[in-house]
């Protein structure tokens, strides 16, 4: 799958693909504020709508803080992927942020991997 999205300097996301897996890497160290989360949400929703990926990795390796709206966004993206028969995994989460997933019980909804490479490998296993 090849998909091109504006990965310009102002984009909050870096989009790439490896094999048949789409990788979305957050560029910011902090994902917060309604406008910031909405800008990211709009890009992700358009990506899923246009590219229809079956396998998606959300890479948080640069992120050190995110707001509760980000959790809502992740649940929305997970739901959209499931509706299309796709899979969503999360990689590179800072250990401090994994506590947020455990507290909210979202650790049961998502699969987590240390790196984008290991997440991609898990999705490309036949």
PDB file of N, CA and C in Angstrom:
ATOM      1  N   UNK A   1       0.844  -1.166   0.000  1.00  0.00           N
ATOM      2  CA  UNK A   1       0.000   0.000   0.000  1.00  0.00           C
ATOM      3  C   UNK A   1       0.888   1.226   0.000  1.00  0.00           C
ATOM      4  N   UNK A   2       0.632   2.124  -0.886  1.00  0.00           N
ATOM      5  CA  UNK A   2       1.340   3.395  -0.891  1.00  0.00           C
ATOM      6  C   UNK A   2       0.315   4.488  -0.678  1.00  0.00           C
ATOM      7  N   UNK A   3       0.607   5.352   0.248  1.00  0.00           N
ATOM      8  CA  UNK A   3      -0.298   6.456   0.534  1.00  0.00           C
ATOM      9  C   UNK A   3       0.546   7.659   0.843  1.00  0.00           C
ATOM     10  N   UNK A   4       0.212   8.763   0.249  1.00  0.00           N
ATOM     11  CA  UNK A   4       0.993   9.977   0.464  1.00  0.00           C
ATOM     12  C   UNK A   4       0.132  11.009   1.168  1.00  0.00           C
ATOM     13  N   UNK A   5       0.606  11.495   2.262  1.00  0.00           N
ATOM     14  CA  UNK A   5      -0.057  12.550   3.005  1.00  0.00           C
ATOM     15  C   UNK A   5       0.961  13.647   3.209  1.00  0.00           C
ATOM     16  N   UNK A   6       0.492  14.873   3.264  1.00  0.00           N
ATOM     17  CA  UNK A   6       1.402  15.995   3.483  1.00  0.00           C
ATOM     18  C   UNK A   6       2.121  15.814   4.807  1.00  0.00           C
ATOM     19  N   UNK A   7       3.370  15.416   4.755  1.00  0.00           N
ATOM     20  CA  UNK A   7       4.196  15.280   5.941  1.00  0.00           C
ATOM     21  C   UNK A   7       5.039  16.533   6.120  1.00  0.00           C
ATOM     22  N   UNK A   8       4.500  17.666   5.689  1.00  0.00           N
ATOM     23  CA  UNK A   8       5.218  18.930   5.771  1.00  0.00           C
ATOM     24  C   UNK A   8       5.604  19.292   7.195  1.00  0.00           C
ATOM     25  N   UNK A   9       6.403  20.314   7.285  1.00  0.00           N
ATOM     26  CA  UNK A   9       6.954  20.739   8.564  1.00  0.00           C
ATOM     27  C   UNK A   9       5.885  21.056   9.599  1.00  0.00           C
ATOM     28  N   UNK A  10       4.716  21.532   9.178  1.00  0.00           N
ATOM     29  CA  UNK A  10       3.656  21.915  10.108  1.00  0.00           C
ATOM     30  C   UNK A  10       2.722  20.765  10.473  1.00  0.00           C
ATOM     31  N   UNK A  11       2.878  19.637   9.821  1.00  0.00           N
ATOM     32  CA  UNK A  11       2.004  18.509  10.093  1.00  0.00           C
ATOM     33  C   UNK A  11       2.332  17.903  11.461  1.00  0.00           C
ATOM     34  N   UNK A  12       1.294  17.587  12.261  1.00  0.00           N
ATOM     35  CA  UNK A  12       1.546  16.957  13.561  1.00  0.00           C
ATOM     36  C   UNK A  12       1.884  15.473  13.444  1.00  0.00           C
ATOM     37  N   UNK A  13       1.763  14.934  12.226  1.00  0.00           N
ATOM     38  CA  UNK A  13       1.950  13.501  12.011  1.00  0.00           C
ATOM     39  C   UNK A  13       2.966  13.240  10.914  1.00  0.00           C
ATOM     40  N   UNK A  14       3.658  12.134  11.042  1.00  0.00           N
ATOM     41  CA  UNK A  14       4.546  11.641  10.000  1.00  0.00           C
ATOM     42  C   UNK A  14       3.970  10.300   9.569  1.00  0.00           C
ATOM     43  N   UNK A  15       3.548  10.199   8.312  1.00  0.00           N
ATOM     44  CA  UNK A  15       2.873   8.998   7.813  1.00  0.00           C
ATOM     45  C   UNK A  15       3.808   8.244   6.884  1.00  0.00           C
ATOM     46  N   UNK A  16       3.924   6.947   7.120  1.00  0.00           N
ATOM     47  CA  UNK A  16       4.717   6.104   6.231  1.00  0.00           C
ATOM     48  C   UNK A  16       4.067   4.730   6.167  1.00  0.00           C
ATOM     49  N   UNK A  17       4.568   3.889   5.291  1.00  0.00           N
ATOM     50  CA  UNK A  17       4.055   2.520   5.224  1.00  0.00           C
ATOM     51  C   UNK A  17       5.223   1.558   5.113  1.00  0.00           C
ATOM     52  N   UNK A  18       5.003   0.387   5.655  1.00  0.00           N
ATOM     53  CA  UNK A  18       5.979  -0.687   5.588  1.00  0.00           C
ATOM     54  C   UNK A  18       5.196  -1.946   5.324  1.00  0.00           C
ATOM     55  N   UNK A  19       5.522  -2.620   4.241  1.00  0.00           N
ATOM     56  CA  UNK A  19       4.744  -3.760   3.777  1.00  0.00           C
ATOM     57  C   UNK A  19       3.299  -3.280   3.610  1.00  0.00           C
ATOM     58  N   UNK A  20       2.344  -3.922   4.263  1.00  0.00           N
ATOM     59  CA  UNK A  20       0.945  -3.493   4.147  1.00  0.00           C
ATOM     60  C   UNK A  20       0.466  -2.810   5.430  1.00  0.00           C
ATOM     61  N   UNK A  21       1.408  -2.245   6.192  1.00  0.00           N
ATOM     62  CA  UNK A  21       1.088  -1.592   7.458  1.00  0.00           C
ATOM     63  C   UNK A  21       1.333  -0.088   7.324  1.00  0.00           C
ATOM     64  N   UNK A  22       0.343   0.679   7.721  1.00  0.00           N
ATOM     65  CA  UNK A  22       0.473   2.132   7.749  1.00  0.00           C
ATOM     66  C   UNK A  22       0.968   2.546   9.127  1.00  0.00           C
ATOM     67  N   UNK A  23       1.994   3.391   9.161  1.00  0.00           N
ATOM     68  CA  UNK A  23       2.584   3.834  10.420  1.00  0.00           C
ATOM     69  C   UNK A  23       2.353   5.332  10.569  1.00  0.00           C
ATOM     70  N   UNK A  24       1.713   5.713  11.671  1.00  0.00           N
ATOM     71  CA  UNK A  24       1.444   7.112  11.982  1.00  0.00           C
ATOM     72  C   UNK A  24       2.276   7.472  13.203  1.00  0.00           C
ATOM     73  N   UNK A  25       3.230   8.359  13.006  1.00  0.00           N
ATOM     74  CA  UNK A  25       4.114   8.772  14.095  1.00  0.00           C
ATOM     75  C   UNK A  25       3.774  10.208  14.492  1.00  0.00           C
ATOM     76  N   UNK A  26       3.510  10.390  15.772  1.00  0.00           N
ATOM     77  CA  UNK A  26       3.259  11.734  16.283  1.00  0.00           C
ATOM     78  C   UNK A  26       4.576  12.488  16.356  1.00  0.00           C
ATOM     79  N   UNK A  27       4.597  13.697  15.844  1.00  0.00           N
ATOM     80  CA  UNK A  27       5.813  14.513  15.849  1.00  0.00           C
ATOM     81  C   UNK A  27       5.973  15.333  17.126  1.00  0.00           C
ATOM     82  N   UNK A  28       4.884  15.609  17.823  1.00  0.00           N
ATOM     83  CA  UNK A  28       4.943  16.464  19.003  1.00  0.00           C
ATOM     84  C   UNK A  28       5.320  15.655  20.240  1.00  0.00           C
ATOM     85  N   UNK A  29       5.902  16.345  21.212  1.00  0.00           N
ATOM     86  CA  UNK A  29       6.148  15.698  22.503  1.00  0.00           C
ATOM     87  C   UNK A  29       4.917  15.814  23.387  1.00  0.00           C
ATOM     88  N   UNK A  30       3.994  16.708  23.020  1.00  0.00           N
ATOM     89  CA  UNK A  30       2.788  16.914  23.802  1.00  0.00           C
ATOM     90  C   UNK A  30       1.590  17.019  22.860  1.00  0.00           C
ATOM     91  N   UNK A  31       0.568  16.213  23.128  1.00  0.00           N
ATOM     92  CA  UNK A  31      -0.668  16.259  22.335  1.00  0.00           C
ATOM     93  C   UNK A  31      -1.751  16.750  23.273  1.00  0.00           C
ATOM     94  N   UNK A  32      -2.078  18.016  23.157  1.00  0.00           N
ATOM     95  CA  UNK A  32      -3.057  18.591  24.075  1.00  0.00           C
ATOM     96  C   UNK A  32      -3.765  19.760  23.422  1.00  0.00           C
ATOM     97  N   UNK A  33      -4.742  20.269  24.122  1.00  0.00           N
ATOM     98  CA  UNK A  33      -5.524  21.387  23.614  1.00  0.00           C
ATOM     99  C   UNK A  33      -6.508  20.910  22.580  1.00  0.00           C
ATOM    100  N   UNK A  34      -7.691  21.411  22.664  1.00  0.00           N
ATOM    101  CA  UNK A  34      -8.750  20.972  21.767  1.00  0.00           C
ATOM    102  C   UNK A  34      -8.378  21.168  20.304  1.00  0.00           C
ATOM    103  N   UNK A  35      -7.797  22.309  19.959  1.00  0.00           N
ATOM    104  CA  UNK A  35      -7.465  22.559  18.553  1.00  0.00           C
ATOM    105  C   UNK A  35      -6.378  21.611  18.060  1.00  0.00           C
ATOM    106  N   UNK A  36      -5.377  21.325  18.899  1.00  0.00           N
ATOM    107  CA  UNK A  36      -4.317  20.398  18.500  1.00  0.00           C
ATOM    108  C   UNK A  36      -4.831  18.991  18.300  1.00  0.00           C
ATOM    109  N   UNK A  37      -5.671  18.539  19.193  1.00  0.00           N
ATOM    110  CA  UNK A  37      -6.229  17.191  19.083  1.00  0.00           C
ATOM    111  C   UNK A  37      -7.177  17.118  17.891  1.00  0.00           C
ATOM    112  N   UNK A  38      -7.973  18.153  17.679  1.00  0.00           N
ATOM    113  CA  UNK A  38      -8.908  18.158  16.544  1.00  0.00           C
ATOM    114  C   UNK A  38      -8.169  18.164  15.215  1.00  0.00           C
ATOM    115  N   UNK A  39      -7.075  18.902  15.119  1.00  0.00           N
ATOM    116  CA  UNK A  39      -6.280  18.913  13.885  1.00  0.00           C
ATOM    117  C   UNK A  39      -5.749  17.506  13.602  1.00  0.00           C
ATOM    118  N   UNK A  40      -5.244  16.863  14.623  1.00  0.00           N
ATOM    119  CA  UNK A  40      -4.742  15.493  14.489  1.00  0.00           C
ATOM    120  C   UNK A  40      -5.885  14.547  14.145  1.00  0.00           C
ATOM    121  N   UNK A  41      -7.016  14.693  14.810  1.00  0.00           N
ATOM    122  CA  UNK A  41      -8.180  13.837  14.550  1.00  0.00           C
ATOM    123  C   UNK A  41      -8.643  13.958  13.107  1.00  0.00           C
ATOM    124  N   UNK A  42      -8.717  15.184  12.609  1.00  0.00           N
ATOM    125  CA  UNK A  42      -9.146  15.397  11.223  1.00  0.00           C
ATOM    126  C   UNK A  42      -8.222  14.680  10.242  1.00  0.00           C
ATOM    127  N   UNK A  43      -6.909  14.791  10.469  1.00  0.00           N
ATOM    128  CA  UNK A  43      -5.945  14.131   9.581  1.00  0.00           C
ATOM    129  C   UNK A  43      -6.087  12.611   9.648  1.00  0.00           C
ATOM    130  N   UNK A  44      -6.247  12.076  10.861  1.00  0.00           N
ATOM    131  CA  UNK A  44      -6.373  10.623  11.005  1.00  0.00           C
ATOM    132  C   UNK A  44      -7.670  10.101  10.404  1.00  0.00           C
ATOM    133  N   UNK A  45      -8.751  10.812  10.608  1.00  0.00           N
ATOM    134  CA  UNK A  45     -10.035  10.376  10.033  1.00  0.00           C
ATOM    135  C   UNK A  45      -9.982  10.389   8.507  1.00  0.00           C
ATOM    136  N   UNK A  46      -9.363  11.427   7.941  1.00  0.00           N
ATOM    137  CA  UNK A  46      -9.216  11.507   6.484  1.00  0.00           C
ATOM    138  C   UNK A  46      -8.326  10.372   5.981  1.00  0.00           C
ATOM    139  N   UNK A  47      -7.267  10.093   6.710  1.00  0.00           N
ATOM    140  CA  UNK A  47      -6.358   9.014   6.338  1.00  0.00           C
ATOM    141  C   UNK A  47      -7.093   7.681   6.286  1.00  0.00           C
ATOM    142  N   UNK A  48      -7.868   7.383   7.304  1.00  0.00           N
ATOM    143  CA  UNK A  48      -8.594   6.112   7.356  1.00  0.00           C
ATOM    144  C   UNK A  48      -9.668   6.061   6.277  1.00  0.00           C
ATOM    145  N   UNK A  49     -10.341   7.168   6.075  1.00  0.00           N
ATOM    146  CA  UNK A  49     -11.383   7.228   5.062  1.00  0.00           C
ATOM    147  C   UNK A  49     -10.806   7.067   3.652  1.00  0.00           C
ATOM    148  N   UNK A  50      -9.684   7.724   3.372  1.00  0.00           N
ATOM    149  CA  UNK A  50      -9.103   7.710   2.030  1.00  0.00           C
ATOM    150  C   UNK A  50      -8.277   6.459   1.752  1.00  0.00           C
ATOM    151  N   UNK A  51      -7.417   6.084   2.680  1.00  0.00           N
ATOM    152  CA  UNK A  51      -6.490   4.972   2.447  1.00  0.00           C
ATOM    153  C   UNK A  51      -7.077   3.614   2.810  1.00  0.00           C
ATOM    154  N   UNK A  52      -8.049   3.612   3.712  1.00  0.00           N
ATOM    155  CA  UNK A  52      -8.664   2.374   4.188  1.00  0.00           C
ATOM    156  C   UNK A  52      -7.615   1.330   4.583  1.00  0.00           C
ATOM    157  N   UNK A  53      -6.707   1.691   5.479  1.00  0.00           N
ATOM    158  CA  UNK A  53      -5.678   0.722   5.875  1.00  0.00           C
ATOM    159  C   UNK A  53      -6.284  -0.428   6.661  1.00  0.00           C
ATOM    160  N   UNK A  54      -5.741  -1.602   6.486  1.00  0.00           N
ATOM    161  CA  UNK A  54      -6.195  -2.770   7.249  1.00  0.00           C
ATOM    162  C   UNK A  54      -5.363  -2.933   8.513  1.00  0.00           C
ATOM    163  N   UNK A  55      -4.150  -2.371   8.489  1.00  0.00           N
ATOM    164  CA  UNK A  55      -3.236  -2.478   9.623  1.00  0.00           C
ATOM    165  C   UNK A  55      -2.631  -1.099   9.889  1.00  0.00           C
ATOM    166  N   UNK A  56      -2.764  -0.652  11.134  1.00  0.00           N
ATOM    167  CA  UNK A  56      -2.316   0.692  11.490  1.00  0.00           C
ATOM    168  C   UNK A  56      -1.531   0.653  12.791  1.00  0.00           C
ATOM    169  N   UNK A  57      -0.363   1.286  12.783  1.00  0.00           N
ATOM    170  CA  UNK A  57       0.457   1.440  13.977  1.00  0.00           C
ATOM    171  C   UNK A  57       0.481   2.913  14.338  1.00  0.00           C
ATOM    172  N   UNK A  58       0.126   3.225  15.569  1.00  0.00           N
ATOM    173  CA  UNK A  58       0.212   4.591  16.086  1.00  0.00           C
ATOM    174  C   UNK A  58       1.477   4.656  16.933  1.00  0.00           C
ATOM    175  N   UNK A  59       2.463   5.412  16.470  1.00  0.00           N
ATOM    176  CA  UNK A  59       3.767   5.473  17.130  1.00  0.00           C
ATOM    177  C   UNK A  59       3.852   6.709  18.029  1.00  0.00           C
ATOM    178  N   UNK A  60       3.944   6.473  19.327  1.00  0.00           N
ATOM    179  CA  UNK A  60       4.005   7.538  20.336  1.00  0.00           C
ATOM    180  C   UNK A  60       5.423   7.753  20.867  1.00  0.00           C
ATOM    181  N   UNK A  61       6.435   7.304  20.154  1.00  0.00           N
ATOM    182  CA  UNK A  61       7.795   7.342  20.690  1.00  0.00           C
ATOM    183  C   UNK A  61       8.291   8.753  21.014  1.00  0.00           C
ATOM    184  N   UNK A  62       7.741   9.781  20.374  1.00  0.00           N
ATOM    185  CA  UNK A  62       8.150  11.170  20.652  1.00  0.00           C
ATOM    186  C   UNK A  62       7.310  11.817  21.752  1.00  0.00           C
ATOM    187  N   UNK A  63       6.171  11.216  22.073  1.00  0.00           N
ATOM    188  CA  UNK A  63       5.184  11.842  22.957  1.00  0.00           C
ATOM    189  C   UNK A  63       5.525  11.601  24.424  1.00  0.00           C
ATOM    190  N   UNK A  64       5.490  12.672  25.197  1.00  0.00           N
ATOM    191  CA  UNK A  64       5.726  12.585  26.640  1.00  0.00           C
ATOM    192  C   UNK A  64       4.491  12.974  27.453  1.00  0.00           C
ATOM    193  N   UNK A  65       3.518  13.606  26.803  1.00  0.00           N
ATOM    194  CA  UNK A  65       2.277  14.005  27.474  1.00  0.00           C
ATOM    195  C   UNK A  65       1.157  14.040  26.448  1.00  0.00           C
ATOM    196  N   UNK A  66      -0.040  13.608  26.870  1.00  0.00           N
ATOM    197  CA  UNK A  66      -1.232  13.821  26.048  1.00  0.00           C
ATOM    198  C   UNK A  66      -2.424  14.026  26.957  1.00  0.00           C
ATOM    199  N   UNK A  67      -3.412  14.726  26.421  1.00  0.00           N
ATOM    200  CA  UNK A  67      -4.617  15.044  27.185  1.00  0.00           C
ATOM    201  C   UNK A  67      -5.634  13.913  27.067  1.00  0.00           C
ATOM    202  N   UNK A  68      -6.679  14.018  27.861  1.00  0.00           N
ATOM    203  CA  UNK A  68      -7.732  13.001  27.830  1.00  0.00           C
ATOM    204  C   UNK A  68      -8.435  12.969  26.479  1.00  0.00           C
ATOM    205  N   UNK A  69      -8.446  14.095  25.761  1.00  0.00           N
ATOM    206  CA  UNK A  69      -9.052  14.101  24.421  1.00  0.00           C
ATOM    207  C   UNK A  69      -8.308  13.147  23.481  1.00  0.00           C
ATOM    208  N   UNK A  70      -7.027  12.982  23.717  1.00  0.00           N
ATOM    209  CA  UNK A  70      -6.241  12.061  22.891  1.00  0.00           C
ATOM    210  C   UNK A  70      -6.724  10.631  23.087  1.00  0.00           C
ATOM    211  N   UNK A  71      -7.077  10.269  24.291  1.00  0.00           N
ATOM    212  CA  UNK A  71      -7.629   8.927  24.542  1.00  0.00           C
ATOM    213  C   UNK A  71      -8.925   8.736  23.762  1.00  0.00           C
ATOM    214  N   UNK A  72      -9.767   9.753  23.781  1.00  0.00           N
ATOM    215  CA  UNK A  72     -11.007   9.694  23.009  1.00  0.00           C
ATOM    216  C   UNK A  72     -10.737   9.529  21.526  1.00  0.00           C
ATOM    217  N   UNK A  73      -9.740  10.233  21.035  1.00  0.00           N
ATOM    218  CA  UNK A  73      -9.354  10.118  19.629  1.00  0.00           C
ATOM    219  C   UNK A  73      -8.896   8.692  19.316  1.00  0.00           C
ATOM    220  N   UNK A  74      -8.081   8.115  20.178  1.00  0.00           N
ATOM    221  CA  UNK A  74      -7.600   6.754  19.949  1.00  0.00           C
ATOM    222  C   UNK A  74      -8.741   5.739  19.928  1.00  0.00           C
ATOM    223  N   UNK A  75      -9.691   5.901  20.823  1.00  0.00           N
ATOM    224  CA  UNK A  75     -10.851   5.001  20.838  1.00  0.00           C
ATOM    225  C   UNK A  75     -11.645   5.165  19.547  1.00  0.00           C
ATOM    226  N   UNK A  76     -11.816   6.389  19.082  1.00  0.00           N
ATOM    227  CA  UNK A  76     -12.532   6.651  17.829  1.00  0.00           C
ATOM    228  C   UNK A  76     -11.814   6.001  16.646  1.00  0.00           C
ATOM    229  N   UNK A  77     -10.505   6.147  16.579  1.00  0.00           N
ATOM    230  CA  UNK A  77      -9.733   5.550  15.484  1.00  0.00           C
ATOM    231  C   UNK A  77      -9.799   4.029  15.569  1.00  0.00           C
ATOM    232  N   UNK A  78      -9.691   3.477  16.780  1.00  0.00           N
ATOM    233  CA  UNK A  78      -9.809   2.025  16.967  1.00  0.00           C
ATOM    234  C   UNK A  78     -11.163   1.530  16.445  1.00  0.00           C
ATOM    235  N   UNK A  79     -12.226   2.252  16.798  1.00  0.00           N
ATOM    236  CA  UNK A  79     -13.574   1.869  16.358  1.00  0.00           C
ATOM    237  C   UNK A  79     -13.683   1.911  14.833  1.00  0.00           C
ATOM    238  N   UNK A  80     -13.166   2.967  14.224  1.00  0.00           N
ATOM    239  CA  UNK A  80     -13.210   3.086  12.760  1.00  0.00           C
ATOM    240  C   UNK A  80     -12.431   1.951  12.089  1.00  0.00           C
ATOM    241  N   UNK A  81     -11.292   1.604  12.665  1.00  0.00           N
ATOM    242  CA  UNK A  81     -10.502   0.498  12.108  1.00  0.00           C
ATOM    243  C   UNK A  81     -11.263  -0.820  12.249  1.00  0.00           C
ATOM    244  N   UNK A  82     -11.875  -1.065  13.382  1.00  0.00           N
ATOM    245  CA  UNK A  82     -12.627  -2.306  13.607  1.00  0.00           C
ATOM    246  C   UNK A  82     -13.804  -2.412  12.642  1.00  0.00           C
ATOM    247  N   UNK A  83     -14.485  -1.285  12.397  1.00  0.00           N
ATOM    248  CA  UNK A  83     -15.625  -1.283  11.474  1.00  0.00           C
ATOM    249  C   UNK A  83     -15.209  -1.700  10.073  1.00  0.00           C
ATOM    250  N   UNK A  84     -13.971  -1.426   9.716  1.00  0.00           N
ATOM    251  CA  UNK A  84     -13.445  -1.785   8.389  1.00  0.00           C
ATOM    252  C   UNK A  84     -12.727  -3.131   8.403  1.00  0.00           C
ATOM    253  N   UNK A  85     -12.767  -3.823   9.547  1.00  0.00           N
ATOM    254  CA  UNK A  85     -12.075  -5.097   9.662  1.00  0.00           C
ATOM    255  C   UNK A  85     -10.573  -4.952   9.835  1.00  0.00           C
ATOM    256  N   UNK A  86     -10.142  -3.779  10.268  1.00  0.00           N
ATOM    257  CA  UNK A  86      -8.714  -3.519  10.418  1.00  0.00           C
ATOM    258  C   UNK A  86      -8.231  -3.691  11.842  1.00  0.00           C
ATOM    259  N   UNK A  87      -6.914  -3.549  12.003  1.00  0.00           N
ATOM    260  CA  UNK A  87      -6.275  -3.686  13.309  1.00  0.00           C
ATOM    261  C   UNK A  87      -5.455  -2.437  13.608  1.00  0.00           C
ATOM    262  N   UNK A  88      -5.472  -2.033  14.873  1.00  0.00           N
ATOM    263  CA  UNK A  88      -4.719  -0.869  15.338  1.00  0.00           C
ATOM    264  C   UNK A  88      -3.835  -1.295  16.506  1.00  0.00           C
ATOM    265  N   UNK A  89      -2.565  -0.967  16.433  1.00  0.00           N
ATOM    266  CA  UNK A  89      -1.661  -1.208  17.549  1.00  0.00           C
ATOM    267  C   UNK A  89      -0.976   0.106  17.904  1.00  0.00           C
ATOM    268  N   UNK A  90      -0.447   0.164  19.113  1.00  0.00           N
ATOM    269  CA  UNK A  90       0.224   1.361  19.613  1.00  0.00           C
ATOM    270  C   UNK A  90       1.660   0.992  19.950  1.00  0.00           C
ATOM    271  N   UNK A  91       2.575   1.858  19.549  1.00  0.00           N
ATOM    272  CA  UNK A  91       3.980   1.587  19.838  1.00  0.00           C
ATOM    273  C   UNK A  91       4.643   2.792  20.499  1.00  0.00           C
ATOM    274  N   UNK A  92       5.734   2.499  21.200  1.00  0.00           N
ATOM    275  CA  UNK A  92       6.590   3.541  21.733  1.00  0.00           C
ATOM    276  C   UNK A  92       6.020   4.370  22.870  1.00  0.00           C
ATOM    277  N   UNK A  93       5.038   3.855  23.577  1.00  0.00           N
ATOM    278  CA  UNK A  93       4.438   4.628  24.671  1.00  0.00           C
ATOM    279  C   UNK A  93       5.426   4.763  25.827  1.00  0.00           C
ATOM    280  N   UNK A  94       5.582   5.974  26.299  1.00  0.00           N
ATOM    281  CA  UNK A  94       6.402   6.250  27.474  1.00  0.00           C
ATOM    282  C   UNK A  94       5.821   5.467  28.659  1.00  0.00           C
ATOM    283  N   UNK A  95       6.662   4.825  29.464  1.00  0.00           N
ATOM    284  CA  UNK A  95       6.157   4.030  30.595  1.00  0.00           C
ATOM    285  C   UNK A  95       5.222   4.817  31.524  1.00  0.00           C
ATOM    286  N   UNK A  96       5.461   6.099  31.697  1.00  0.00           N
ATOM    287  CA  UNK A  96       4.567   6.907  32.537  1.00  0.00           C
ATOM    288  C   UNK A  96       3.178   7.010  31.917  1.00  0.00           C
ATOM    289  N   UNK A  97       3.105   7.028  30.604  1.00  0.00           N
ATOM    290  CA  UNK A  97       1.813   7.151  29.936  1.00  0.00           C
ATOM    291  C   UNK A  97       1.038   5.840  29.904  1.00  0.00           C
ATOM    292  N   UNK A  98       1.734   4.719  30.031  1.00  0.00           N
ATOM    293  CA  UNK A  98       1.002   3.447  30.055  1.00  0.00           C
ATOM    294  C   UNK A  98       0.092   3.364  31.273  1.00  0.00           C
ATOM    295  N   UNK A  99       0.450   4.074  32.330  1.00  0.00           N
ATOM    296  CA  UNK A  99      -0.410   4.105  33.521  1.00  0.00           C
ATOM    297  C   UNK A  99      -1.789   4.669  33.195  1.00  0.00           C
ATOM    298  N   UNK A 100      -1.841   5.664  32.329  1.00  0.00           N
ATOM    299  CA  UNK A 100      -3.119   6.260  31.933  1.00  0.00           C
ATOM    300  C   UNK A 100      -4.001   5.214  31.258  1.00  0.00           C
ATOM    301  N   UNK A 101      -3.406   4.382  30.421  1.00  0.00           N
ATOM    302  CA  UNK A 101      -4.165   3.330  29.755  1.00  0.00           C
ATOM    303  C   UNK A 101      -4.672   2.296  30.762  1.00  0.00           C
ATOM    304  N   UNK A 102      -3.839   1.963  31.748  1.00  0.00           N
ATOM    305  CA  UNK A 102      -4.270   1.001  32.768  1.00  0.00           C
ATOM    306  C   UNK A 102      -5.388   1.578  33.637  1.00  0.00           C
ATOM    307  N   UNK A 103      -5.243   2.810  34.068  1.00  0.00           N
ATOM    308  CA  UNK A 103      -6.249   3.443  34.928  1.00  0.00           C
ATOM    309  C   UNK A 103      -7.606   3.512  34.230  1.00  0.00           C
ATOM    310  N   UNK A 104      -7.592   3.790  32.936  1.00  0.00           N
ATOM    311  CA  UNK A 104      -8.835   3.916  32.172  1.00  0.00           C
ATOM    312  C   UNK A 104      -9.296   2.582  31.576  1.00  0.00           C
ATOM    313  N   UNK A 105      -8.544   1.517  31.840  1.00  0.00           N
ATOM    314  CA  UNK A 105      -8.823   0.173  31.340  1.00  0.00           C
ATOM    315  C   UNK A 105      -8.726   0.071  29.822  1.00  0.00           C
ATOM    316  N   UNK A 106      -8.110   1.056  29.193  1.00  0.00           N
ATOM    317  CA  UNK A 106      -7.916   0.989  27.746  1.00  0.00           C
ATOM    318  C   UNK A 106      -6.760   0.071  27.377  1.00  0.00           C
ATOM    319  N   UNK A 107      -6.003  -0.364  28.361  1.00  0.00           N
ATOM    320  CA  UNK A 107      -4.930  -1.320  28.096  1.00  0.00           C
ATOM    321  C   UNK A 107      -5.508  -2.660  27.627  1.00  0.00           C
ATOM    322  N   UNK A 108      -6.788  -2.881  27.868  1.00  0.00           N
ATOM    323  CA  UNK A 108      -7.445  -4.104  27.416  1.00  0.00           C
ATOM    324  C   UNK A 108      -7.958  -3.975  25.978  1.00  0.00           C
ATOM    325  N   UNK A 109      -8.062  -2.742  25.504  1.00  0.00           N
ATOM    326  CA  UNK A 109      -8.565  -2.484  24.161  1.00  0.00           C
ATOM    327  C   UNK A 109      -7.446  -2.494  23.122  1.00  0.00           C
ATOM    328  N   UNK A 110      -6.287  -1.976  23.504  1.00  0.00           N
ATOM    329  CA  UNK A 110      -5.176  -1.810  22.570  1.00  0.00           C
ATOM    330  C   UNK A 110      -4.065  -2.815  22.845  1.00  0.00           C
ATOM    331  N   UNK A 111      -3.314  -3.135  21.781  1.00  0.00           N
ATOM    332  CA  UNK A 111      -2.084  -3.908  21.919  1.00  0.00           C
ATOM    333  C   UNK A 111      -0.933  -2.915  21.876  1.00  0.00           C
ATOM    334  N   UNK A 112       0.050  -3.106  22.760  1.00  0.00           N
ATOM    335  CA  UNK A 112       1.176  -2.189  22.880  1.00  0.00           C
ATOM    336  C   UNK A 112       2.475  -2.896  22.536  1.00  0.00           C
ATOM    337  N   UNK A 113       3.357  -2.164  21.864  1.00  0.00           N
ATOM    338  CA  UNK A 113       4.678  -2.682  21.499  1.00  0.00           C
ATOM    339  C   UNK A 113       5.719  -1.617  21.813  1.00  0.00           C
ATOM    340  N   UNK A 114       6.928  -2.077  22.108  1.00  0.00           N
ATOM    341  CA  UNK A 114       8.001  -1.151  22.465  1.00  0.00           C
ATOM    342  C   UNK A 114       8.400  -0.233  21.322  1.00  0.00           C
ATOM    343  N   UNK A 115       8.342  -0.744  20.105  1.00  0.00           N
ATOM    344  CA  UNK A 115       8.770   0.042  18.949  1.00  0.00           C
ATOM    345  C   UNK A 115       7.804  -0.155  17.788  1.00  0.00           C
ATOM    346  N   UNK A 116       7.871   0.771  16.837  1.00  0.00           N
ATOM    347  CA  UNK A 116       7.049   0.643  15.632  1.00  0.00           C
ATOM    348  C   UNK A 116       7.451  -0.621  14.864  1.00  0.00           C
ATOM    349  N   UNK A 117       8.738  -0.935  14.870  1.00  0.00           N
ATOM    350  CA  UNK A 117       9.214  -2.123  14.162  1.00  0.00           C
ATOM    351  C   UNK A 117       8.591  -3.400  14.729  1.00  0.00           C
ATOM    352  N   UNK A 118       8.532  -3.506  16.053  1.00  0.00           N
ATOM    353  CA  UNK A 118       7.938  -4.712  16.638  1.00  0.00           C
ATOM    354  C   UNK A 118       6.427  -4.745  16.420  1.00  0.00           C
ATOM    355  N   UNK A 119       5.789  -3.582  16.397  1.00  0.00           N
ATOM    356  CA  UNK A 119       4.349  -3.534  16.104  1.00  0.00           C
ATOM    357  C   UNK A 119       4.078  -3.962  14.678  1.00  0.00           C
ATOM    358  N   UNK A 120       4.884  -3.470  13.739  1.00  0.00           N
ATOM    359  CA  UNK A 120       4.734  -3.867  12.335  1.00  0.00           C
ATOM    360  C   UNK A 120       4.955  -5.368  12.200  1.00  0.00           C
ATOM    361  N   UNK A 121       5.984  -5.878  12.861  1.00  0.00           N
ATOM    362  CA  UNK A 121       6.265  -7.323  12.796  1.00  0.00           C
ATOM    363  C   UNK A 121       5.085  -8.139  13.301  1.00  0.00           C
ATOM    364  N   UNK A 122       4.415  -7.669  14.358  1.00  0.00           N
ATOM    365  CA  UNK A 122       3.274  -8.411  14.891  1.00  0.00           C
ATOM    366  C   UNK A 122       2.099  -8.429  13.918  1.00  0.00           C
ATOM    367  N   UNK A 123       1.993  -7.383  13.117  1.00  0.00           N
ATOM    368  CA  UNK A 123       0.873  -7.289  12.174  1.00  0.00           C
ATOM    369  C   UNK A 123       1.161  -7.989  10.850  1.00  0.00           C
ATOM    370  N   UNK A 124       2.414  -8.264  10.570  1.00  0.00           N
ATOM    371  CA  UNK A 124       2.750  -8.910   9.299  1.00  0.00           C
ATOM    372  C   UNK A 124       2.981 -10.403   9.437  1.00  0.00           C
ATOM    373  N   UNK A 125       2.795 -10.940  10.649  1.00  0.00           N
ATOM    374  CA  UNK A 125       2.921 -12.380  10.852  1.00  0.00           C
ATOM    375  C   UNK A 125       1.783 -13.071  10.132  1.00  0.00           C
ATOM    376  N   UNK A 126       2.113 -14.083   9.383  1.00  0.00           N
ATOM    377  CA  UNK A 126       1.089 -14.797   8.609  1.00  0.00           C
ATOM    378  C   UNK A 126       0.477 -15.894   9.427  1.00  0.00           C
TER     379      UNK A 126
END
